[in-house]
Protein backbone atom coordinates (compact mmCIF):
# COMPACT_ATOMS: atom_id res chain seq x y z
CA MET A 1 45.42 53.50 9.98
CA ASN A 2 43.81 52.66 6.42
CA GLU A 3 45.69 53.10 3.23
CA SER A 4 44.41 56.56 2.57
CA ASP A 5 45.59 57.75 5.93
CA ILE A 6 49.10 56.30 5.35
CA ARG A 7 49.40 57.85 1.87
CA GLN A 8 48.41 61.36 3.18
CA LEU A 9 50.73 61.14 6.04
CA ALA A 10 53.52 59.85 3.71
CA ALA A 11 52.74 62.72 1.21
CA ASN A 12 52.31 65.58 4.00
CA VAL A 13 55.61 64.33 5.66
CA LEU A 14 57.54 64.64 2.34
CA ALA A 15 56.16 67.96 1.63
CA GLY A 16 58.03 69.22 4.68
CA ILE A 17 61.07 67.73 3.49
CA ALA A 18 61.41 67.91 -0.03
CA PRO A 19 58.41 70.15 -1.33
CA GLU A 20 59.39 69.55 -5.05
CA ALA A 21 58.94 65.71 -4.36
CA ASP A 22 55.75 64.43 -6.16
CA LEU A 23 54.82 61.27 -4.45
CA SER A 24 51.92 60.67 -7.05
CA THR A 25 54.73 60.11 -9.97
CA VAL A 26 56.18 57.42 -7.78
CA ASP A 27 54.94 53.69 -7.98
CA ASP A 28 54.36 52.01 -4.99
CA THR A 29 57.06 49.24 -5.44
CA GLU A 30 59.56 52.04 -6.37
CA ASP A 31 62.34 53.07 -3.88
CA LEU A 32 61.25 56.35 -2.35
CA ARG A 33 64.98 57.45 -1.61
CA GLU A 34 65.96 56.93 -5.24
CA ALA A 35 62.54 58.30 -6.81
CA LEU A 36 62.51 61.42 -4.97
CA ASP A 37 66.36 62.11 -4.64
CA LEU A 38 66.01 61.75 -0.94
CA ASP A 39 69.49 61.61 0.94
CA SER A 40 70.15 59.67 4.22
CA MET A 41 69.12 62.87 6.41
CA ASP A 42 65.99 63.31 4.27
CA PHE A 43 64.89 59.80 4.57
CA LEU A 44 65.51 59.93 8.34
CA ASN A 45 63.33 62.86 8.85
CA PHE A 46 60.79 60.96 6.50
CA VAL A 47 60.95 58.13 9.13
CA ILE A 48 60.51 60.52 12.27
CA GLY A 49 57.78 62.18 10.54
CA LEU A 50 55.82 58.91 9.92
CA HIS A 51 56.56 57.95 13.48
CA GLN A 52 55.20 61.22 14.96
CA GLY A 53 52.34 60.86 12.43
CA SER A 54 51.17 57.43 13.00
CA GLY A 55 52.43 56.91 16.74
CA HIS A 56 54.31 53.89 15.62
CA ALA A 57 57.70 53.12 16.87
CA ILE A 58 59.78 52.51 14.20
CA PRO A 59 63.21 51.00 15.15
CA GLU A 60 66.36 51.51 12.96
CA SER A 61 66.32 47.66 12.29
CA ASP A 62 62.87 48.42 10.44
CA TYR A 63 63.75 51.49 8.19
CA PRO A 64 64.49 49.05 5.13
CA LYS A 65 60.68 48.32 5.41
CA LEU A 66 59.87 51.79 4.63
CA PHE A 67 61.75 52.40 1.49
CA THR A 68 58.67 51.73 -0.81
CA MET A 69 55.20 52.98 -0.47
CA MET A 70 54.11 49.45 -0.41
CA GLY A 71 56.38 48.78 2.50
CA CYS A 72 55.10 52.08 4.46
CA LEU A 73 51.40 50.69 3.63
CA ALA A 74 52.19 47.03 5.03
CA TYR A 75 54.34 48.49 8.09
CA LEU A 76 51.85 51.23 9.26
CA GLY A 77 48.62 49.30 8.46
CA SER A 78 49.42 46.49 10.77
């Protein structure tokens, strides 16, 4: 996946979880959970959506790598 694909996937997943969340207002280094007011279930659903949309297996130990958009780009882009 390229950067554009990953950003679109993240935006689509977030739209299903928190429709009011505006990813465009969040800096790539900001914690998505705090910036978008995601609770633990929202974040888990975000990770599940990233997994389903990308086909990447995401073990629980890697969840912290997905706390920021920069982390998502690095993790899913590899």
